[in-house]
Amino acid sequence: MRKLINLDQKTLTKLKFISAFENLSVNALIENAVQMYIKNQEIDRFKNLTDEEK
């Protein structure tokens, strides 16, 4: 599966800078960020469920 993410030059530069400090590739940094976002969304969605829905 091919993953396409469009980034502007400013964001890409920031990601390259952060990835240098984290010793990760830009791709790995983006993947970690997406995974963290999805996990947080799932947690928030679960917290918003009623007791009956849980």
C-alpha atoms as a PDB file:
ATOM      1  CA  MET A   1       0.000   0.000   0.000  1.00  0.00           C
ATOM      2  CA  ARG A   2       1.395   3.352  -0.976  1.00  0.00           C
ATOM      3  CA  LYS A   3       1.088   6.177   1.516  1.00  0.00           C
ATOM      4  CA  LEU A   4       0.839   9.716   0.219  1.00  0.00           C
ATOM      5  CA  ILE A   5       1.163  12.694   2.507  1.00  0.00           C
ATOM      6  CA  ASN A   6       1.538  16.172   1.066  1.00  0.00           C
ATOM      7  CA  LEU A   7       3.737  18.423   3.195  1.00  0.00           C
ATOM      8  CA  ASP A   8       4.776  21.972   2.582  1.00  0.00           C
ATOM      9  CA  GLN A   9       8.480  22.815   2.642  1.00  0.00           C
ATOM     10  CA  LYS A  10       8.321  24.472   6.065  1.00  0.00           C
ATOM     11  CA  THR A  11       6.755  21.403   7.715  1.00  0.00           C
ATOM     12  CA  LEU A  12       9.165  19.054   5.966  1.00  0.00           C
ATOM     13  CA  THR A  13      12.133  21.093   7.192  1.00  0.00           C
ATOM     14  CA  LYS A  14      10.813  20.922  10.766  1.00  0.00           C
ATOM     15  CA  LEU A  15      10.329  17.159  10.477  1.00  0.00           C
ATOM     16  CA  LYS A  16      13.879  16.719   9.197  1.00  0.00           C
ATOM     17  CA  PHE A  17      15.198  18.778  12.107  1.00  0.00           C
ATOM     18  CA  ILE A  18      13.220  16.759  14.687  1.00  0.00           C
ATOM     19  CA  SER A  19      14.150  13.445  13.066  1.00  0.00           C
ATOM     20  CA  ALA A  20      17.844  14.314  13.356  1.00  0.00           C
ATOM     21  CA  PHE A  21      17.499  14.755  17.120  1.00  0.00           C
ATOM     22  CA  GLU A  22      15.328  11.649  17.534  1.00  0.00           C
ATOM     23  CA  ASN A  23      17.607   9.447  15.380  1.00  0.00           C
ATOM     24  CA  LEU A  24      14.623   8.430  13.260  1.00  0.00           C
ATOM     25  CA  SER A  25      13.837   8.811   9.611  1.00  0.00           C
ATOM     26  CA  VAL A  26      11.207  11.361   8.631  1.00  0.00           C
ATOM     27  CA  ASN A  27       9.004   8.488   7.504  1.00  0.00           C
ATOM     28  CA  ALA A  28       9.272   6.746  10.892  1.00  0.00           C
ATOM     29  CA  LEU A  29       8.571  10.030  12.666  1.00  0.00           C
ATOM     30  CA  ILE A  30       5.398  10.577  10.636  1.00  0.00           C
ATOM     31  CA  GLU A  31       4.284   6.975  11.206  1.00  0.00           C
ATOM     32  CA  ASN A  32       4.769   7.362  14.971  1.00  0.00           C
ATOM     33  CA  ALA A  33       2.826  10.613  14.961  1.00  0.00           C
ATOM     34  CA  VAL A  34      -0.068   9.057  13.042  1.00  0.00           C
ATOM     35  CA  GLN A  35      -0.150   6.029  15.356  1.00  0.00           C
ATOM     36  CA  MET A  36      -0.153   8.275  18.429  1.00  0.00           C
ATOM     37  CA  TYR A  37      -2.959  10.404  16.959  1.00  0.00           C
ATOM     38  CA  ILE A  38      -5.096   7.350  16.189  1.00  0.00           C
ATOM     39  CA  LYS A  39      -4.529   5.912  19.666  1.00  0.00           C
ATOM     40  CA  ASN A  40      -5.513   9.222  21.300  1.00  0.00           C
ATOM     41  CA  GLN A  41      -8.635   9.452  19.135  1.00  0.00           C
ATOM     42  CA  GLU A  42      -9.672   5.933  20.153  1.00  0.00           C
ATOM     43  CA  ILE A  43      -9.144   6.757  23.841  1.00  0.00           C
ATOM     44  CA  ASP A  44     -11.163   9.971  23.530  1.00  0.00           C
ATOM     45  CA  ARG A  45     -13.941   8.168  21.686  1.00  0.00           C
ATOM     46  CA  PHE A  46     -14.054   5.480  24.382  1.00  0.00           C
ATOM     47  CA  LYS A  47     -14.200   8.116  27.154  1.00  0.00           C
ATOM     48  CA  ASN A  48     -17.195   9.747  25.436  1.00  0.00           C
ATOM     49  CA  LEU A  49     -19.214   6.534  25.379  1.00  0.00           C
ATOM     50  CA  THR A  50     -21.995   6.123  27.876  1.00  0.00           C
ATOM     51  CA  ASP A  51     -21.820   3.347  30.460  1.00  0.00           C
ATOM     52  CA  GLU A  52     -24.411   1.415  28.495  1.00  0.00           C
ATOM     53  CA  GLU A  53     -22.381   1.647  25.289  1.00  0.00           C
ATOM     54  CA  LYS A  54     -19.209   0.510  27.077  1.00  0.00           C
END
